[in-house]
Amino acid sequence: MTTAISDMSTAFTDAAGRSDPDFLELGAGSIEGETLVAGLYKWGTDVSFTSSLVFDGSATDVWILQVAKDFIVGNGAQMYLTGTAKAENIFIQVSGAVNIGTTAHVEGNILSATAIALQTGSSLNGKALSQTAITLDSVTIVS
């Protein structure tokens, strides 16, 4: 367990410590309907979407999303991978809390400094790693 906690802390610190973002404050935190190409994204605000978010790229592309506050996925919202993008190459580093709404679907690895909540019927293709708590309510996680 100690190794897992240390590894999560190292991954969080690595993602949070990346500087010189390719995209800064995209959509002022509202990323509704955006298509994200590979790169480093940084927000000093909450980040949210309520319908769709697309990650488009190759199998070797990497996405790092640095979120200073909360990451909110609305009820029924969906993340999609296009091209040959892989969920394992998406890292969502959140300094606040993460809330994944009912029946929503998320792709990638979530690294949260506080809590992660996956609501009823939501799904995650990736990992949910939190420094405090993870709440699961009838969800599906595939990694």
N, C-alpha and C. Protein backbone atom coordinates (compact mmCIF):
# COMPACT_ATOMS: atom_id res chain seq x y z
N MET A 1 0.82 -1.18 0.00
CA MET A 1 0.00 0.00 0.00
C MET A 1 0.87 1.26 0.00
N THR A 2 1.95 1.23 0.76
CA THR A 2 2.84 2.38 0.83
C THR A 2 3.40 2.72 -0.55
N THR A 3 3.75 1.70 -1.33
CA THR A 3 4.28 1.92 -2.68
C THR A 3 3.22 2.54 -3.57
N ALA A 4 1.99 2.07 -3.49
CA ALA A 4 0.90 2.62 -4.32
C ALA A 4 0.67 4.09 -3.99
N ILE A 5 0.67 4.43 -2.71
CA ILE A 5 0.46 5.82 -2.29
C ILE A 5 1.61 6.69 -2.79
N SER A 6 2.82 6.19 -2.67
CA SER A 6 3.99 6.93 -3.13
C SER A 6 3.95 7.13 -4.65
N ASP A 7 3.58 6.07 -5.39
CA ASP A 7 3.50 6.16 -6.85
C ASP A 7 2.45 7.18 -7.28
N MET A 8 1.29 7.19 -6.60
CA MET A 8 0.24 8.15 -6.93
C MET A 8 0.72 9.56 -6.67
N SER A 9 1.37 9.77 -5.54
CA SER A 9 1.88 11.09 -5.19
C SER A 9 2.92 11.56 -6.21
N THR A 10 3.79 10.66 -6.64
CA THR A 10 4.80 10.99 -7.64
C THR A 10 4.15 11.37 -8.97
N ALA A 11 3.14 10.60 -9.40
CA ALA A 11 2.44 10.89 -10.66
C ALA A 11 1.72 12.23 -10.58
N PHE A 12 1.05 12.50 -9.45
CA PHE A 12 0.34 13.77 -9.27
C PHE A 12 1.32 14.94 -9.33
N THR A 13 2.42 14.83 -8.61
CA THR A 13 3.43 15.89 -8.57
C THR A 13 4.04 16.12 -9.95
N ASP A 14 4.30 15.03 -10.68
CA ASP A 14 4.85 15.14 -12.03
C ASP A 14 3.89 15.88 -12.95
N ALA A 15 2.62 15.46 -12.94
CA ALA A 15 1.62 16.11 -13.81
C ALA A 15 1.42 17.57 -13.43
N ALA A 16 1.33 17.85 -12.13
CA ALA A 16 1.09 19.22 -11.66
C ALA A 16 2.28 20.13 -11.91
N GLY A 17 3.48 19.56 -11.93
CA GLY A 17 4.69 20.35 -12.06
C GLY A 17 5.09 20.69 -13.47
N ARG A 18 4.37 20.18 -14.44
CA ARG A 18 4.72 20.49 -15.84
C ARG A 18 4.40 21.95 -16.13
N SER A 19 5.34 22.62 -16.77
CA SER A 19 5.14 24.04 -17.07
C SER A 19 5.09 24.26 -18.57
N ASP A 20 4.88 25.49 -18.97
CA ASP A 20 4.81 25.89 -20.37
C ASP A 20 3.69 25.16 -21.11
N PRO A 21 2.43 25.39 -20.68
CA PRO A 21 1.30 24.68 -21.30
C PRO A 21 1.12 25.06 -22.77
N ASP A 22 0.65 24.09 -23.54
CA ASP A 22 0.31 24.34 -24.94
C ASP A 22 -1.00 25.12 -25.04
N PHE A 23 -1.88 24.91 -24.07
CA PHE A 23 -3.20 25.55 -24.05
C PHE A 23 -3.47 26.05 -22.64
N LEU A 24 -3.80 27.34 -22.51
CA LEU A 24 -4.01 27.95 -21.20
C LEU A 24 -5.44 28.48 -21.11
N GLU A 25 -6.16 28.03 -20.08
CA GLU A 25 -7.52 28.50 -19.80
C GLU A 25 -8.49 28.27 -20.97
N LEU A 26 -8.35 27.15 -21.68
CA LEU A 26 -9.23 26.83 -22.81
C LEU A 26 -10.69 26.93 -22.39
N GLY A 27 -11.47 27.70 -23.12
CA GLY A 27 -12.90 27.84 -22.86
C GLY A 27 -13.22 28.44 -21.50
N ALA A 28 -12.25 29.05 -20.86
CA ALA A 28 -12.43 29.59 -19.50
C ALA A 28 -12.96 28.52 -18.56
N GLY A 29 -12.58 27.26 -18.83
CA GLY A 29 -12.99 26.14 -17.98
C GLY A 29 -14.21 25.39 -18.47
N SER A 30 -14.95 25.96 -19.41
CA SER A 30 -16.11 25.27 -19.98
C SER A 30 -15.66 24.64 -21.29
N ILE A 31 -15.42 23.32 -21.27
CA ILE A 31 -14.84 22.65 -22.44
C ILE A 31 -15.87 21.84 -23.22
N GLU A 32 -17.10 22.28 -23.12
CA GLU A 32 -18.24 21.70 -23.82
C GLU A 32 -17.97 21.53 -25.32
N GLY A 33 -18.04 20.29 -25.82
CA GLY A 33 -17.94 20.05 -27.25
C GLY A 33 -16.55 20.24 -27.85
N GLU A 34 -15.54 20.44 -27.04
CA GLU A 34 -14.18 20.66 -27.55
C GLU A 34 -13.56 19.36 -28.07
N THR A 35 -12.65 19.50 -29.03
CA THR A 35 -11.81 18.40 -29.48
C THR A 35 -10.39 18.76 -29.06
N LEU A 36 -9.80 17.94 -28.21
CA LEU A 36 -8.46 18.22 -27.68
C LEU A 36 -7.42 17.42 -28.45
N VAL A 37 -6.42 18.13 -28.97
CA VAL A 37 -5.26 17.47 -29.56
C VAL A 37 -4.26 17.24 -28.43
N ALA A 38 -3.25 16.43 -28.68
CA ALA A 38 -2.27 16.11 -27.65
C ALA A 38 -1.60 17.39 -27.14
N GLY A 39 -1.25 17.38 -25.86
CA GLY A 39 -0.55 18.52 -25.30
C GLY A 39 -0.85 18.71 -23.83
N LEU A 40 -0.31 19.80 -23.30
CA LEU A 40 -0.49 20.17 -21.90
C LEU A 40 -1.52 21.30 -21.83
N TYR A 41 -2.59 21.05 -21.07
CA TYR A 41 -3.68 22.01 -20.89
C TYR A 41 -3.67 22.44 -19.42
N LYS A 42 -3.86 23.74 -19.20
CA LYS A 42 -3.81 24.25 -17.82
C LYS A 42 -4.95 25.22 -17.57
N TRP A 43 -5.63 25.02 -16.41
CA TRP A 43 -6.70 25.92 -15.97
C TRP A 43 -6.47 26.30 -14.51
N GLY A 44 -6.76 27.56 -14.19
CA GLY A 44 -6.74 28.02 -12.81
C GLY A 44 -8.13 28.03 -12.20
N THR A 45 -9.08 27.44 -12.92
CA THR A 45 -10.50 27.45 -12.54
C THR A 45 -11.03 26.03 -12.44
N ASP A 46 -12.33 25.92 -12.14
CA ASP A 46 -13.02 24.65 -12.33
C ASP A 46 -13.02 24.35 -13.83
N VAL A 47 -13.12 23.07 -14.17
CA VAL A 47 -13.28 22.65 -15.56
C VAL A 47 -14.50 21.75 -15.61
N SER A 48 -15.37 22.00 -16.61
CA SER A 48 -16.59 21.19 -16.70
C SER A 48 -17.06 21.05 -18.14
N PHE A 49 -17.86 19.99 -18.35
CA PHE A 49 -18.58 19.83 -19.61
C PHE A 49 -19.81 18.98 -19.33
N THR A 50 -20.86 19.20 -20.14
CA THR A 50 -22.12 18.51 -19.89
C THR A 50 -22.61 17.66 -21.05
N SER A 51 -21.89 17.69 -22.19
CA SER A 51 -22.32 16.83 -23.29
C SER A 51 -21.17 15.97 -23.79
N SER A 52 -20.23 16.54 -24.55
CA SER A 52 -19.16 15.71 -25.09
C SER A 52 -17.81 16.40 -25.03
N LEU A 53 -16.77 15.58 -25.00
CA LEU A 53 -15.39 16.02 -25.05
C LEU A 53 -14.63 14.95 -25.83
N VAL A 54 -13.86 15.37 -26.84
CA VAL A 54 -13.17 14.44 -27.72
C VAL A 54 -11.66 14.60 -27.57
N PHE A 55 -10.95 13.47 -27.49
CA PHE A 55 -9.49 13.44 -27.52
C PHE A 55 -9.10 12.84 -28.86
N ASP A 56 -8.44 13.64 -29.71
CA ASP A 56 -8.10 13.19 -31.06
C ASP A 56 -6.59 13.14 -31.22
N GLY A 57 -6.10 11.96 -31.62
CA GLY A 57 -4.67 11.84 -31.83
C GLY A 57 -4.25 10.42 -32.13
N SER A 58 -2.95 10.21 -32.06
CA SER A 58 -2.37 8.89 -32.35
C SER A 58 -2.20 8.08 -31.08
N ALA A 59 -1.82 6.83 -31.26
CA ALA A 59 -1.64 5.91 -30.13
C ALA A 59 -0.49 6.33 -29.21
N THR A 60 0.40 7.18 -29.69
CA THR A 60 1.53 7.61 -28.86
C THR A 60 1.37 9.03 -28.31
N ASP A 61 0.31 9.71 -28.70
CA ASP A 61 0.07 11.06 -28.19
C ASP A 61 -0.29 11.03 -26.71
N VAL A 62 0.05 12.11 -26.00
CA VAL A 62 -0.23 12.23 -24.57
C VAL A 62 -0.96 13.55 -24.30
N TRP A 63 -1.96 13.46 -23.43
CA TRP A 63 -2.72 14.63 -22.98
C TRP A 63 -2.55 14.74 -21.47
N ILE A 64 -2.20 15.94 -21.01
CA ILE A 64 -2.16 16.22 -19.57
C ILE A 64 -3.05 17.43 -19.34
N LEU A 65 -4.05 17.26 -18.49
CA LEU A 65 -4.96 18.34 -18.13
C LEU A 65 -4.68 18.71 -16.68
N GLN A 66 -4.20 19.92 -16.45
CA GLN A 66 -3.94 20.43 -15.10
C GLN A 66 -5.10 21.32 -14.68
N VAL A 67 -5.82 20.91 -13.65
CA VAL A 67 -7.00 21.64 -13.19
C VAL A 67 -6.75 22.11 -11.76
N ALA A 68 -6.73 23.43 -11.54
CA ALA A 68 -6.42 23.98 -10.22
C ALA A 68 -7.56 23.82 -9.22
N LYS A 69 -8.78 23.70 -9.71
CA LYS A 69 -9.93 23.58 -8.81
C LYS A 69 -10.63 22.25 -9.06
N ASP A 70 -11.94 22.26 -9.30
CA ASP A 70 -12.71 21.02 -9.47
C ASP A 70 -12.88 20.63 -10.93
N PHE A 71 -13.06 19.33 -11.17
CA PHE A 71 -13.33 18.79 -12.51
C PHE A 71 -14.71 18.16 -12.45
N ILE A 72 -15.63 18.69 -13.26
CA ILE A 72 -17.03 18.28 -13.18
C ILE A 72 -17.51 17.77 -14.53
N VAL A 73 -17.95 16.52 -14.55
CA VAL A 73 -18.50 15.90 -15.75
C VAL A 73 -20.00 15.77 -15.52
N GLY A 74 -20.79 16.45 -16.34
CA GLY A 74 -22.23 16.49 -16.13
C GLY A 74 -22.92 15.15 -16.36
N ASN A 75 -24.13 15.04 -15.86
CA ASN A 75 -24.93 13.82 -16.06
C ASN A 75 -25.05 13.52 -17.55
N GLY A 76 -24.73 12.28 -17.93
CA GLY A 76 -24.86 11.85 -19.31
C GLY A 76 -23.76 12.31 -20.24
N ALA A 77 -22.81 13.10 -19.77
CA ALA A 77 -21.72 13.59 -20.62
C ALA A 77 -20.81 12.43 -21.02
N GLN A 78 -20.17 12.57 -22.18
CA GLN A 78 -19.34 11.48 -22.71
C GLN A 78 -18.00 12.01 -23.20
N MET A 79 -16.94 11.26 -22.92
CA MET A 79 -15.63 11.50 -23.53
C MET A 79 -15.47 10.47 -24.63
N TYR A 80 -14.89 10.91 -25.76
CA TYR A 80 -14.66 10.03 -26.90
C TYR A 80 -13.20 10.08 -27.30
N LEU A 81 -12.69 8.96 -27.81
CA LEU A 81 -11.35 8.89 -28.38
C LEU A 81 -11.50 8.76 -29.88
N THR A 82 -10.75 9.58 -30.65
CA THR A 82 -10.76 9.46 -32.10
C THR A 82 -9.33 9.32 -32.60
N GLY A 83 -9.20 8.95 -33.87
CA GLY A 83 -7.90 8.57 -34.39
C GLY A 83 -7.55 7.26 -33.71
N THR A 84 -6.34 7.15 -33.23
CA THR A 84 -5.94 5.95 -32.47
C THR A 84 -5.58 6.31 -31.02
N ALA A 85 -6.14 7.42 -30.54
CA ALA A 85 -5.89 7.89 -29.17
C ALA A 85 -6.20 6.78 -28.16
N LYS A 86 -5.41 6.74 -27.09
CA LYS A 86 -5.58 5.72 -26.04
C LYS A 86 -5.86 6.39 -24.69
N ALA A 87 -6.80 5.81 -23.96
CA ALA A 87 -7.15 6.31 -22.63
C ALA A 87 -5.95 6.30 -21.69
N GLU A 88 -5.08 5.33 -21.85
CA GLU A 88 -3.92 5.22 -20.96
C GLU A 88 -2.96 6.40 -21.09
N ASN A 89 -3.11 7.20 -22.15
CA ASN A 89 -2.24 8.35 -22.38
C ASN A 89 -2.88 9.68 -22.00
N ILE A 90 -4.01 9.61 -21.29
CA ILE A 90 -4.71 10.82 -20.84
C ILE A 90 -4.57 10.91 -19.32
N PHE A 91 -4.07 12.06 -18.85
CA PHE A 91 -3.86 12.27 -17.41
C PHE A 91 -4.58 13.55 -17.01
N ILE A 92 -5.54 13.41 -16.10
CA ILE A 92 -6.33 14.55 -15.63
C ILE A 92 -5.93 14.80 -14.18
N GLN A 93 -5.09 15.81 -13.97
CA GLN A 93 -4.57 16.14 -12.64
C GLN A 93 -5.44 17.25 -12.06
N VAL A 94 -6.09 16.95 -10.94
CA VAL A 94 -7.07 17.87 -10.37
C VAL A 94 -6.68 18.21 -8.92
N SER A 95 -6.50 19.49 -8.64
CA SER A 95 -6.15 19.89 -7.28
C SER A 95 -7.36 19.93 -6.35
N GLY A 96 -8.55 20.03 -6.93
CA GLY A 96 -9.79 20.00 -6.15
C GLY A 96 -10.44 18.63 -6.23
N ALA A 97 -11.77 18.63 -6.24
CA ALA A 97 -12.54 17.39 -6.29
C ALA A 97 -12.96 17.07 -7.71
N VAL A 98 -13.29 15.80 -7.93
CA VAL A 98 -13.79 15.33 -9.23
C VAL A 98 -15.18 14.76 -9.01
N ASN A 99 -16.13 15.19 -9.86
CA ASN A 99 -17.47 14.62 -9.81
C ASN A 99 -17.86 14.18 -11.22
N ILE A 100 -18.11 12.88 -11.36
CA ILE A 100 -18.55 12.32 -12.63
C ILE A 100 -20.02 11.98 -12.48
N GLY A 101 -20.86 12.70 -13.23
CA GLY A 101 -22.31 12.61 -13.08
C GLY A 101 -22.90 11.27 -13.50
N THR A 102 -24.17 11.10 -13.21
CA THR A 102 -24.87 9.85 -13.54
C THR A 102 -24.79 9.58 -15.03
N THR A 103 -24.57 8.33 -15.37
CA THR A 103 -24.46 7.79 -16.74
C THR A 103 -23.39 8.45 -17.60
N ALA A 104 -22.51 9.25 -17.01
CA ALA A 104 -21.42 9.88 -17.76
C ALA A 104 -20.32 8.85 -18.02
N HIS A 105 -19.50 9.10 -19.05
CA HIS A 105 -18.37 8.22 -19.37
C HIS A 105 -17.11 9.05 -19.50
N VAL A 106 -16.04 8.59 -18.84
CA VAL A 106 -14.75 9.28 -18.85
C VAL A 106 -13.67 8.34 -19.35
N GLU A 107 -12.75 8.89 -20.14
CA GLU A 107 -11.58 8.18 -20.65
C GLU A 107 -10.34 8.77 -19.97
N GLY A 108 -9.43 7.93 -19.49
CA GLY A 108 -8.17 8.42 -18.96
C GLY A 108 -7.95 8.16 -17.49
N ASN A 109 -6.86 8.69 -17.01
CA ASN A 109 -6.41 8.49 -15.63
C ASN A 109 -6.64 9.77 -14.84
N ILE A 110 -7.42 9.66 -13.77
CA ILE A 110 -7.74 10.81 -12.94
C ILE A 110 -6.85 10.78 -11.70
N LEU A 111 -6.14 11.87 -11.46
CA LEU A 111 -5.28 12.03 -10.29
C LEU A 111 -5.82 13.21 -9.50
N SER A 112 -6.44 12.96 -8.35
CA SER A 112 -7.07 14.02 -7.58
C SER A 112 -6.41 14.22 -6.22
N ALA A 113 -6.23 15.49 -5.85
CA ALA A 113 -5.68 15.80 -4.53
C ALA A 113 -6.72 15.58 -3.45
N THR A 114 -7.99 15.61 -3.82
CA THR A 114 -9.04 15.40 -2.82
C THR A 114 -9.91 14.23 -3.26
N ALA A 115 -11.21 14.42 -3.36
CA ALA A 115 -12.14 13.30 -3.58
C ALA A 115 -12.49 13.12 -5.05
N ILE A 116 -12.80 11.86 -5.40
CA ILE A 116 -13.35 11.51 -6.70
C ILE A 116 -14.68 10.81 -6.44
N ALA A 117 -15.75 11.29 -7.08
CA ALA A 117 -17.06 10.66 -6.94
C ALA A 117 -17.57 10.26 -8.32
N LEU A 118 -17.85 8.97 -8.48
CA LEU A 118 -18.47 8.46 -9.70
C LEU A 118 -19.90 8.11 -9.36
N GLN A 119 -20.84 8.83 -9.97
CA GLN A 119 -22.25 8.68 -9.65
C GLN A 119 -22.87 7.45 -10.34
N THR A 120 -24.09 7.13 -9.98
CA THR A 120 -24.82 5.96 -10.48
C THR A 120 -24.77 5.85 -12.00
N GLY A 121 -24.35 4.68 -12.48
CA GLY A 121 -24.35 4.39 -13.90
C GLY A 121 -23.22 5.01 -14.69
N SER A 122 -22.30 5.71 -14.02
CA SER A 122 -21.17 6.30 -14.74
C SER A 122 -20.13 5.23 -15.02
N SER A 123 -19.19 5.55 -15.94
CA SER A 123 -18.15 4.59 -16.28
C SER A 123 -16.83 5.32 -16.52
N LEU A 124 -15.75 4.58 -16.31
CA LEU A 124 -14.40 5.11 -16.48
C LEU A 124 -13.57 4.06 -17.19
N ASN A 125 -12.94 4.45 -18.30
CA ASN A 125 -11.97 3.61 -18.98
C ASN A 125 -10.61 4.19 -18.61
N GLY A 126 -10.07 3.74 -17.49
CA GLY A 126 -8.81 4.27 -16.98
C GLY A 126 -8.69 4.01 -15.50
N LYS A 127 -8.05 4.94 -14.81
CA LYS A 127 -7.81 4.78 -13.37
C LYS A 127 -8.32 6.00 -12.62
N ALA A 128 -8.79 5.77 -11.40
CA ALA A 128 -9.20 6.84 -10.49
C ALA A 128 -8.29 6.76 -9.28
N LEU A 129 -7.43 7.76 -9.10
CA LEU A 129 -6.47 7.78 -8.01
C LEU A 129 -6.64 9.07 -7.22
N SER A 130 -6.93 8.94 -5.94
CA SER A 130 -7.19 10.10 -5.10
C SER A 130 -6.32 10.06 -3.85
N GLN A 131 -5.95 11.24 -3.37
CA GLN A 131 -5.17 11.31 -2.14
C GLN A 131 -6.04 11.25 -0.90
N THR A 132 -7.37 11.33 -1.06
CA THR A 132 -8.24 11.25 0.11
C THR A 132 -9.30 10.17 -0.02
N ALA A 133 -10.25 10.30 -0.97
CA ALA A 133 -11.36 9.34 -1.02
C ALA A 133 -11.89 9.17 -2.44
N ILE A 134 -12.40 7.97 -2.70
CA ILE A 134 -13.10 7.67 -3.95
C ILE A 134 -14.45 7.09 -3.58
N THR A 135 -15.51 7.67 -4.15
CA THR A 135 -16.86 7.19 -3.90
C THR A 135 -17.41 6.60 -5.18
N LEU A 136 -17.86 5.34 -5.12
CA LEU A 136 -18.40 4.65 -6.28
C LEU A 136 -19.85 4.28 -6.00
N ASP A 137 -20.75 4.57 -6.94
CA ASP A 137 -22.16 4.25 -6.77
C ASP A 137 -22.66 3.54 -8.03
N SER A 138 -22.60 2.21 -8.04
CA SER A 138 -23.05 1.40 -9.19
C SER A 138 -22.39 1.87 -10.48
N VAL A 139 -21.07 1.77 -10.54
CA VAL A 139 -20.30 2.26 -11.69
C VAL A 139 -19.54 1.12 -12.35
N THR A 140 -19.00 1.40 -13.54
CA THR A 140 -18.15 0.46 -14.25
C THR A 140 -16.80 1.12 -14.47
N ILE A 141 -15.72 0.44 -14.06
CA ILE A 141 -14.37 0.92 -14.30
C ILE A 141 -13.61 -0.16 -15.04
N VAL A 142 -13.04 0.21 -16.20
CA VAL A 142 -12.23 -0.71 -16.99
C VAL A 142 -10.86 -0.08 -17.13
N SER A 143 -9.82 -0.85 -16.82
CA SER A 143 -8.48 -0.31 -16.93
C SER A 143 -7.57 -1.32 -17.58
